[in-house]
Amino acid sequence: MDRLQQLTNLTFLRDAHERHSVEVVFLCSVAAAALCIHLWQRRSRQQASTRPPTPTLEKAQPRVWGRWEPSDFVTPRPSPYPDWSIKHTKPLPYRPFRYGPKYNITMGLRILQHEEWIELDNNYPRFHEDKKKRIDERGPKCCRTAPEAYPAAVELLEELTEYLPARYPSLYRRTDRGLDNLWSGESFDITSRPLAEDPMQMCARLVQDDLAIMIEKEDGQYYLLAGAILLAGFWRLSDKYGMPLSEIHTSGSVPQFKEKLEKGMMSFFRRLKPEELVARHNYFVQVDEELPWSWSIGDEDAADVSWNTAEKNRAIEHHHFRSERQTLRRLPRSGAVVFTIRTYFHPVTEVAEEDYVPGRLASAVRSWGDDVDRYKGREKYGEVLLEYLDRKHAEQVARGLDLEAEEETRAYPY
């Protein structure tokens, strides 16, 4: 320690001995600190050598694909949605688009609390009626459950039966056999066997979301083996049912899926825990007014549907902004992964009245690459849409909208 004391004294003398340069004092301080660290490390090694060895834990074995040990996780009981009303609670204003010039293709996941799982609002009556009509008219074309996914579908039904009366007590009431819809008068019995209908179809009647269940098989892939896809607008359950996750996206020509999304998505699905709940958002432009199926891309029962059939440059009054809020969670008992797909559907002329929206949406549309252009059908509506958005943006600027304040008043995905 004599050397350490000498070096330390040298540092303390810097004010009294101005002949030492700043560089010398700095180097001496560093040397002193380094020596202290060296002595501390040597003393720690000496002490450690006298202790008994620490047991080595075995490395955790990777999970075998297609097998799931039931988890003891229980979904937390949600608090009631604040002041929820089937008449007055408006849809949340999701506007998940960003300024250009670059359009980034990512999974775009954000973490949610479990009480945020299902969102209902004053559009519930319309969604409920549309779903009822679709079930009556199309039934198994839209709602289907494979035998190997049946336990997961029943588990999802049970989860919703516990969640909905707690979260929306003015709409749902828990009963001994299931739950009652206080608005529609429907009663749902989830205890009788067999169930009165496909469990996915029963789930669909309870929420505004479309629903899909992915089951992991021995090859490590996740397969769409149960679904209630009633209001998807642009895709059909019959086209995707039974497919693995990757093929669902490649068959739908999702831009840059192989290059930027597939690896991360597969890794995410395999790691997802029952304790976790995440959400992601997307958006589209639709040039007709039908929520369940966009007839402008072709008849729903046609062999092939695409933007090629859409009328070009329809008037702006026919343009609708369509946004999806998707959540993903793993069911604890079955290990299946559940998608909820909640659509928000508004006329473009309505959302363009909101501050900052027309300018930001126009910039986002212009940032799409050629592959995204094709996927979203811009060629059929881009001219009319952008002319309108530019005009609405100019009107907002002319009335004094402070563009610099936007980041202070909004946050993605709103």
Protein backbone atom coordinates (compact mmCIF):
# COMPACT_ATOMS: atom_id res chain seq x y z
CA MET A 1 0.00 0.00 0.00
CA ASP A 2 3.08 2.33 0.24
CA ARG A 3 3.00 2.81 -3.54
CA LEU A 4 -0.70 3.58 -3.41
CA GLN A 5 -0.15 6.19 -0.67
CA GLN A 6 2.60 7.84 -2.70
CA LEU A 7 0.46 8.11 -5.77
CA THR A 8 -2.49 9.41 -3.77
CA ASN A 9 -0.34 12.06 -2.07
CA LEU A 10 0.89 13.13 -5.46
CA THR A 11 -2.70 13.76 -6.53
CA PHE A 12 -3.54 15.79 -3.43
CA LEU A 13 -0.53 18.06 -3.98
CA ARG A 14 -1.73 19.39 -7.34
CA ASP A 15 -3.04 22.72 -5.93
CA ALA A 16 0.09 23.41 -3.95
CA HIS A 17 2.49 22.50 -6.75
CA GLU A 18 1.38 24.28 -9.89
CA ARG A 19 4.51 23.15 -11.70
CA HIS A 20 2.76 19.78 -12.25
CA SER A 21 0.75 19.86 -15.42
CA VAL A 22 -2.90 18.81 -15.58
CA GLU A 23 -1.87 15.78 -17.64
CA VAL A 24 0.48 14.48 -14.95
CA VAL A 25 -2.11 14.84 -12.21
CA PHE A 26 -4.73 13.05 -14.34
CA LEU A 27 -2.40 10.14 -15.10
CA CYS A 28 -1.49 9.79 -11.46
CA SER A 29 -5.14 9.66 -10.45
CA VAL A 30 -5.81 6.98 -13.04
CA ALA A 31 -2.85 4.97 -11.84
CA ALA A 32 -4.02 5.20 -8.23
CA ALA A 33 -7.50 4.03 -9.17
CA ALA A 34 -6.13 1.17 -11.25
CA LEU A 35 -3.94 0.01 -8.37
CA CYS A 36 -6.93 0.07 -5.99
CA ILE A 37 -8.94 -2.04 -8.38
CA HIS A 38 -6.05 -4.50 -8.77
CA LEU A 39 -5.64 -4.90 -5.01
CA TRP A 40 -9.39 -5.32 -4.50
CA GLN A 41 -9.58 -7.99 -7.21
CA ARG A 42 -6.59 -9.88 -5.70
CA ARG A 43 -8.16 -9.80 -2.24
CA SER A 44 -11.50 -11.01 -3.66
CA ARG A 45 -9.79 -13.94 -5.39
CA GLN A 46 -8.03 -14.89 -2.18
CA GLN A 47 -11.31 -14.82 -0.24
CA ALA A 48 -13.13 -16.77 -2.92
CA SER A 49 -10.51 -19.54 -2.82
CA THR A 50 -11.44 -20.29 0.79
CA ARG A 51 -15.19 -20.67 0.05
CA PRO A 52 -16.82 -23.95 -1.00
CA PRO A 53 -17.54 -24.16 -4.74
CA THR A 54 -20.91 -22.85 -5.94
CA PRO A 55 -23.15 -25.57 -7.44
CA THR A 56 -23.50 -25.32 -11.23
CA LEU A 57 -27.09 -25.19 -12.47
CA GLU A 58 -27.98 -27.41 -15.39
CA LYS A 59 -28.75 -25.57 -18.60
CA ALA A 60 -32.48 -25.44 -19.27
CA GLN A 61 -33.52 -27.85 -21.99
CA PRO A 62 -35.33 -26.36 -24.99
CA ARG A 63 -39.06 -27.02 -25.17
CA VAL A 64 -40.10 -29.84 -27.49
CA TRP A 65 -42.14 -28.40 -30.36
CA GLY A 66 -45.77 -29.40 -30.32
CA ARG A 67 -45.80 -30.16 -26.60
CA TRP A 68 -47.01 -27.79 -23.92
CA GLU A 69 -46.97 -28.23 -20.17
CA PRO A 70 -50.02 -26.39 -18.78
CA SER A 71 -49.11 -23.19 -16.97
CA ASP A 72 -50.55 -22.23 -13.60
CA PHE A 73 -50.91 -18.61 -14.78
CA VAL A 74 -54.36 -17.16 -14.16
CA THR A 75 -55.43 -14.11 -16.15
CA PRO A 76 -55.82 -11.20 -13.70
CA ARG A 77 -59.38 -10.07 -13.13
CA PRO A 78 -59.72 -6.74 -14.98
CA SER A 79 -61.08 -3.58 -13.45
CA PRO A 80 -64.26 -2.19 -15.04
CA TYR A 81 -63.68 -0.05 -18.12
CA PRO A 82 -64.04 3.55 -16.87
CA ASP A 83 -67.55 4.94 -17.48
CA TRP A 84 -68.20 2.49 -20.32
CA SER A 85 -71.49 3.01 -22.18
CA ILE A 86 -72.90 1.20 -25.20
CA LYS A 87 -74.30 4.57 -26.32
CA HIS A 88 -71.56 7.05 -25.47
CA THR A 89 -68.15 5.30 -25.43
CA LYS A 90 -66.57 6.21 -28.75
CA PRO A 91 -64.04 4.05 -30.63
CA LEU A 92 -60.47 4.85 -29.68
CA PRO A 93 -58.83 7.06 -32.34
CA TYR A 94 -56.13 4.73 -33.60
CA ARG A 95 -54.18 6.43 -36.41
CA PRO A 96 -51.17 4.09 -36.77
CA PHE A 97 -49.32 5.81 -39.58
CA ARG A 98 -46.11 7.82 -39.51
CA TYR A 99 -44.56 10.56 -41.60
CA GLY A 100 -42.37 9.53 -44.51
CA PRO A 101 -40.11 9.53 -46.37
CA LYS A 102 -39.37 5.94 -45.27
CA TYR A 103 -41.97 3.24 -44.67
CA ASN A 104 -40.59 0.73 -42.16
CA ILE A 105 -41.87 -2.85 -42.26
CA THR A 106 -41.74 -4.28 -38.73
CA MET A 107 -43.89 -6.35 -36.38
CA GLY A 108 -44.43 -3.13 -34.40
CA LEU A 109 -45.36 -4.82 -31.10
CA ARG A 110 -46.27 -2.93 -27.94
CA ILE A 111 -46.94 -4.34 -24.48
CA LEU A 112 -50.45 -4.27 -23.01
CA GLN A 113 -51.88 -4.92 -19.57
CA HIS A 114 -54.22 -7.91 -19.51
CA GLU A 115 -57.20 -5.72 -18.67
CA GLU A 116 -56.73 -4.01 -22.05
CA TRP A 117 -57.26 -7.26 -23.93
CA ILE A 118 -60.71 -6.60 -25.47
CA GLU A 119 -62.04 -3.20 -26.54
CA LEU A 120 -65.76 -2.55 -26.92
CA ASP A 121 -67.42 0.76 -27.78
CA ASN A 122 -70.65 2.30 -29.06
CA ASN A 123 -70.17 0.59 -32.43
CA TYR A 124 -70.94 -2.70 -30.68
CA PRO A 125 -74.57 -2.91 -31.94
CA ARG A 126 -73.46 -2.60 -35.58
CA PHE A 127 -70.70 -5.18 -35.17
CA HIS A 128 -73.03 -7.54 -33.31
CA GLU A 129 -75.66 -7.31 -36.05
CA ASP A 130 -73.11 -7.73 -38.85
CA LYS A 131 -71.67 -10.80 -37.16
CA LYS A 132 -75.09 -12.35 -36.55
CA LYS A 133 -75.99 -11.88 -40.20
CA ARG A 134 -72.69 -13.36 -41.37
CA ILE A 135 -73.07 -16.39 -39.09
CA ASP A 136 -76.61 -16.96 -40.35
CA GLU A 137 -75.65 -16.61 -44.01
CA ARG A 138 -72.14 -18.05 -44.16
CA GLY A 139 -71.65 -20.08 -40.96
CA PRO A 140 -68.72 -22.51 -41.42
CA LYS A 141 -67.19 -20.44 -44.21
CA CYS A 142 -66.34 -17.89 -41.50
CA CYS A 143 -66.23 -19.89 -38.25
CA ARG A 144 -64.42 -23.21 -37.99
CA THR A 145 -62.54 -25.28 -35.39
CA ALA A 146 -60.32 -28.27 -36.11
CA PRO A 147 -60.56 -31.20 -33.66
CA GLU A 148 -57.02 -30.65 -32.38
CA ALA A 149 -57.85 -26.97 -31.68
CA TYR A 150 -61.18 -27.64 -29.95
CA PRO A 151 -59.76 -27.59 -26.37
CA ALA A 152 -58.06 -24.26 -27.10
CA ALA A 153 -61.29 -22.80 -28.50
CA VAL A 154 -63.16 -23.85 -25.37
CA GLU A 155 -60.40 -22.33 -23.24
CA LEU A 156 -60.75 -19.06 -25.14
CA LEU A 157 -64.50 -19.12 -24.54
CA GLU A 158 -63.90 -19.62 -20.82
CA GLU A 159 -61.38 -16.77 -20.74
CA LEU A 160 -63.87 -14.40 -22.38
CA THR A 161 -66.62 -15.54 -20.02
CA GLU A 162 -64.52 -14.51 -17.03
CA TYR A 163 -63.10 -11.33 -18.58
CA LEU A 164 -66.11 -9.63 -20.17
CA PRO A 165 -68.49 -9.36 -17.16
CA ALA A 166 -65.64 -7.95 -15.07
CA ARG A 167 -64.48 -5.46 -17.69
CA TYR A 168 -67.92 -4.47 -19.04
CA PRO A 169 -70.40 -5.08 -16.19
CA SER A 170 -73.11 -2.92 -17.78
CA LEU A 171 -73.14 -5.21 -20.84
CA TYR A 172 -72.39 -8.69 -19.49
CA ARG A 173 -73.38 -10.57 -16.35
CA ARG A 174 -71.70 -13.78 -15.16
CA THR A 175 -74.02 -16.72 -14.51
CA ASP A 176 -73.59 -20.25 -13.15
CA ARG A 177 -73.59 -21.62 -16.69
CA GLY A 178 -71.85 -18.83 -18.58
CA LEU A 179 -72.91 -15.24 -19.08
CA ASP A 180 -75.83 -13.05 -20.15
CA ASN A 181 -75.74 -10.18 -22.64
CA LEU A 182 -77.79 -7.50 -20.87
CA TRP A 183 -78.21 -5.45 -24.06
CA SER A 184 -79.27 -8.19 -26.52
CA GLY A 185 -80.95 -10.55 -24.07
CA GLU A 186 -78.77 -13.48 -25.18
CA SER A 187 -77.70 -16.14 -22.67
CA PHE A 188 -74.58 -18.19 -23.28
CA ASP A 189 -74.21 -21.65 -21.77
CA ILE A 190 -70.56 -22.71 -21.84
CA THR A 191 -70.95 -25.72 -19.53
CA SER A 192 -73.27 -28.05 -21.47
CA ARG A 193 -71.72 -30.70 -23.68
CA PRO A 194 -71.89 -30.65 -26.55
CA LEU A 195 -71.88 -26.87 -26.82
CA ALA A 196 -74.82 -25.37 -28.67
CA GLU A 197 -72.49 -24.21 -31.46
CA ASP A 198 -68.86 -24.07 -32.52
CA PRO A 199 -66.98 -22.46 -29.60
CA MET A 200 -65.28 -19.99 -31.96
CA GLN A 201 -68.65 -18.94 -33.29
CA MET A 202 -69.88 -18.44 -29.74
CA CYS A 203 -66.78 -16.35 -28.95
CA ALA A 204 -67.46 -14.25 -32.05
CA ARG A 205 -70.89 -13.26 -30.75
CA LEU A 206 -69.35 -11.85 -27.58
CA VAL A 207 -66.85 -9.32 -28.94
CA GLN A 208 -66.29 -6.90 -31.82
CA ASP A 209 -63.04 -8.66 -32.76
CA ASP A 210 -62.38 -11.39 -35.26
CA LEU A 211 -60.55 -14.29 -33.62
CA ALA A 212 -57.93 -16.81 -34.70
CA ILE A 213 -56.14 -19.63 -32.85
CA MET A 214 -52.70 -20.85 -33.87
CA ILE A 215 -51.61 -24.34 -32.77
CA GLU A 216 -47.95 -25.37 -32.61
CA LYS A 217 -47.09 -28.72 -34.25
CA GLU A 218 -44.04 -30.96 -33.99
CA ASP A 219 -42.27 -29.08 -36.80
CA GLY A 220 -42.25 -25.90 -34.68
CA GLN A 221 -44.67 -24.15 -37.05
CA TYR A 222 -47.91 -22.50 -35.91
CA TYR A 223 -51.03 -23.48 -37.84
CA LEU A 224 -54.34 -21.65 -38.15
CA LEU A 225 -56.69 -24.35 -36.87
CA ALA A 226 -59.57 -22.34 -35.38
CA GLY A 227 -61.07 -19.05 -36.43
CA ALA A 228 -64.04 -16.72 -36.40
CA ILE A 229 -63.23 -14.37 -39.28
CA LEU A 230 -66.43 -12.45 -39.95
CA LEU A 231 -65.39 -8.83 -40.54
CA ALA A 232 -61.97 -9.11 -42.15
CA GLY A 233 -62.80 -7.11 -45.27
CA PHE A 234 -59.96 -8.39 -47.45
CA TRP A 235 -59.33 -12.06 -46.59
CA ARG A 236 -61.29 -15.26 -46.05
CA LEU A 237 -60.83 -17.96 -43.43
CA SER A 238 -61.37 -20.63 -46.08
CA ASP A 239 -58.24 -19.41 -47.91
CA LYS A 240 -55.96 -19.61 -44.86
CA TYR A 241 -57.46 -22.37 -42.70
CA GLY A 242 -54.93 -25.11 -41.89
CA MET A 243 -51.95 -23.12 -43.17
CA PRO A 244 -48.76 -22.51 -41.17
CA LEU A 245 -48.03 -18.94 -40.15
CA SER A 246 -45.39 -18.35 -42.83
CA GLU A 247 -47.60 -19.57 -45.67
CA ILE A 248 -50.48 -17.41 -44.47
CA HIS A 249 -48.31 -14.35 -45.04
CA THR A 250 -46.56 -15.43 -48.23
CA SER A 251 -49.84 -16.54 -49.83
CA GLY A 252 -51.18 -13.08 -49.08
CA SER A 253 -48.11 -11.41 -50.62
CA VAL A 254 -47.27 -9.52 -47.41
CA PRO A 255 -44.43 -7.18 -48.46
CA GLN A 256 -40.92 -8.23 -47.40
CA PHE A 257 -42.22 -10.94 -45.09
CA LYS A 258 -39.37 -13.34 -45.85
CA GLU A 259 -36.68 -10.68 -45.65
CA LYS A 260 -37.80 -8.69 -42.59
CA LEU A 261 -40.55 -10.44 -40.66
CA GLU A 262 -40.49 -14.23 -40.81
CA LYS A 263 -37.52 -15.00 -38.57
CA GLY A 264 -38.50 -12.54 -35.87
CA MET A 265 -42.15 -13.60 -35.98
CA MET A 266 -41.35 -17.29 -35.57
CA SER A 267 -39.00 -16.57 -32.70
CA PHE A 268 -41.63 -14.40 -31.02
CA PHE A 269 -44.34 -17.06 -31.27
CA ARG A 270 -42.12 -19.74 -29.77
CA ARG A 271 -41.06 -17.55 -26.83
CA LEU A 272 -44.44 -16.00 -26.02
CA LYS A 273 -45.52 -16.67 -22.42
CA PRO A 274 -49.05 -16.74 -20.94
CA GLU A 275 -48.08 -13.81 -18.73
CA GLU A 276 -47.50 -11.60 -21.78
CA LEU A 277 -49.98 -9.67 -23.90
CA VAL A 278 -48.91 -7.61 -26.91
CA ALA A 279 -50.61 -5.57 -29.60
CA ARG A 280 -49.81 -4.37 -33.07
CA HIS A 281 -51.60 -2.08 -35.53
CA ASN A 282 -51.99 -1.74 -39.27
CA TYR A 283 -54.06 0.36 -41.65
CA PHE A 284 -55.60 0.21 -45.12
CA VAL A 285 -57.75 2.31 -47.40
CA GLN A 286 -60.98 0.76 -48.66
CA VAL A 287 -63.07 2.19 -51.51
CA ASP A 288 -66.48 0.92 -50.45
CA GLU A 289 -68.55 1.11 -47.27
CA GLU A 290 -68.89 -2.57 -46.29
CA LEU A 291 -67.21 -3.56 -43.04
CA PRO A 292 -67.53 -7.38 -43.36
CA TRP A 293 -66.27 -7.76 -46.94
CA SER A 294 -64.86 -5.17 -49.35
CA TRP A 295 -66.89 -5.97 -52.46
CA SER A 296 -64.73 -3.62 -54.54
CA ILE A 297 -61.98 -6.27 -54.69
CA GLY A 298 -64.41 -8.90 -56.01
CA ASP A 299 -67.20 -11.23 -54.99
CA GLU A 300 -66.46 -12.95 -51.69
CA ASP A 301 -67.11 -16.37 -53.21
CA ALA A 302 -65.01 -15.81 -56.34
CA ALA A 303 -62.05 -18.10 -56.88
CA ASP A 304 -59.66 -15.15 -56.88
CA VAL A 305 -60.08 -11.68 -55.45
CA SER A 306 -57.75 -8.72 -55.86
CA TRP A 307 -57.51 -4.97 -56.28
CA ASN A 308 -57.60 -5.52 -60.05
CA THR A 309 -61.40 -5.53 -59.96
CA ALA A 310 -61.72 -2.24 -58.06
CA GLU A 311 -63.05 0.85 -59.79
CA LYS A 312 -60.30 3.42 -60.14
CA ASN A 313 -60.53 6.89 -58.60
CA ARG A 314 -63.92 6.61 -56.96
CA ALA A 315 -65.07 9.82 -55.26
CA ILE A 316 -63.55 10.54 -51.87
CA GLU A 317 -66.93 9.93 -50.21
CA HIS A 318 -66.42 6.21 -50.93
CA HIS A 319 -62.98 6.06 -49.32
CA HIS A 320 -62.80 4.50 -45.85
CA PHE A 321 -59.94 4.30 -43.40
CA ARG A 322 -59.62 0.78 -42.04
CA SER A 323 -57.32 0.08 -39.09
CA GLU A 324 -56.76 -3.17 -37.19
CA ARG A 325 -55.73 -3.54 -33.57
CA GLN A 326 -54.38 -7.06 -33.19
CA THR A 327 -53.52 -8.63 -29.83
CA LEU A 328 -51.57 -11.82 -29.25
CA ARG A 329 -51.49 -13.96 -26.13
CA ARG A 330 -50.80 -17.58 -25.22
CA LEU A 331 -53.55 -19.53 -23.48
CA PRO A 332 -52.09 -21.05 -20.31
CA ARG A 333 -53.78 -24.46 -20.36
CA SER A 334 -53.54 -25.42 -24.03
CA GLY A 335 -50.52 -23.31 -25.04
CA ALA A 336 -52.33 -22.10 -28.16
CA VAL A 337 -51.68 -18.55 -29.39
CA VAL A 338 -54.77 -16.38 -29.81
CA PHE A 339 -55.10 -13.48 -32.23
CA THR A 340 -57.81 -10.91 -31.65
CA ILE A 341 -58.34 -8.66 -34.67
CA ARG A 342 -60.41 -5.59 -33.92
CA THR A 343 -61.28 -3.42 -36.93
CA TYR A 344 -61.83 0.33 -36.71
CA PHE A 345 -63.66 1.61 -39.78
CA HIS A 346 -64.30 5.29 -40.60
CA PRO A 347 -64.89 7.44 -43.68
CA VAL A 348 -61.69 9.19 -44.76
CA THR A 349 -63.66 12.44 -44.79
CA GLU A 350 -64.25 11.94 -41.05
CA VAL A 351 -60.69 11.19 -39.93
CA ALA A 352 -59.28 13.96 -42.15
CA GLU A 353 -61.06 16.53 -40.01
CA GLU A 354 -58.76 15.69 -37.10
CA ASP A 355 -55.77 17.94 -36.50
CA TYR A 356 -52.56 16.76 -38.20
CA VAL A 357 -54.14 13.60 -39.66
CA PRO A 358 -54.43 14.60 -43.35
CA GLY A 359 -50.83 15.78 -43.61
CA ARG A 360 -49.40 12.81 -41.79
CA LEU A 361 -51.54 10.27 -43.68
CA ALA A 362 -50.60 11.81 -47.03
CA SER A 363 -46.92 11.61 -46.11
CA ALA A 364 -47.33 7.99 -45.01
CA VAL A 365 -49.05 6.96 -48.25
CA ARG A 366 -46.32 8.64 -50.31
CA SER A 367 -43.69 6.69 -48.34
CA TRP A 368 -44.98 3.29 -49.48
CA GLY A 369 -42.61 1.38 -51.72
CA ASP A 370 -43.82 -0.34 -54.89
CA ASP A 371 -44.49 -3.61 -53.07
CA VAL A 372 -46.58 -1.90 -50.38
CA ASP A 373 -48.37 0.11 -53.08
CA ARG A 374 -49.48 -3.12 -54.74
CA TYR A 375 -50.42 -4.77 -51.47
CA LYS A 376 -52.55 -1.83 -50.33
CA GLY A 377 -54.00 -1.08 -53.77
CA ARG A 378 -52.86 2.53 -54.01
CA GLU A 379 -53.07 2.58 -57.82
CA LYS A 380 -56.88 2.42 -57.55
CA TYR A 381 -57.39 5.38 -55.21
CA GLY A 382 -54.09 7.23 -54.70
CA GLU A 383 -54.78 10.23 -56.91
CA VAL A 384 -58.14 11.07 -55.37
CA LEU A 385 -57.02 10.33 -51.83
CA LEU A 386 -53.81 12.38 -51.93
CA GLU A 387 -55.47 15.37 -53.63
CA TYR A 388 -58.07 15.43 -50.88
CA LEU A 389 -55.61 14.96 -48.01
CA ASP A 390 -53.30 17.69 -49.36
CA ARG A 391 -56.23 20.09 -49.56
CA LYS A 392 -57.38 19.33 -46.02
CA HIS A 393 -53.83 19.72 -44.74
CA ALA A 394 -53.51 23.12 -46.45
CA GLU A 395 -56.78 24.22 -44.83
CA GLN A 396 -55.47 23.25 -41.39
CA VAL A 397 -52.23 25.16 -41.93
CA ALA A 398 -54.15 28.21 -43.19
CA ARG A 399 -56.26 28.36 -40.04
CA GLY A 400 -53.11 28.39 -37.92
CA LEU A 401 -52.45 24.78 -36.92
CA ASP A 402 -49.07 24.64 -35.20
CA LEU A 403 -47.25 21.81 -36.96
CA GLU A 404 -44.37 21.98 -34.47
CA ALA A 405 -46.71 21.03 -31.62
CA GLU A 406 -47.84 17.71 -33.08
CA GLU A 407 -45.37 15.53 -31.19
CA GLU A 408 -46.57 17.07 -27.92
CA THR A 409 -50.22 16.26 -28.60
CA ARG A 410 -50.08 12.69 -29.91
CA ALA A 411 -48.21 9.42 -29.50
CA TYR A 412 -48.22 6.29 -31.67
CA PRO A 413 -50.57 4.56 -32.43
CA TYR A 414 -53.02 7.44 -31.89
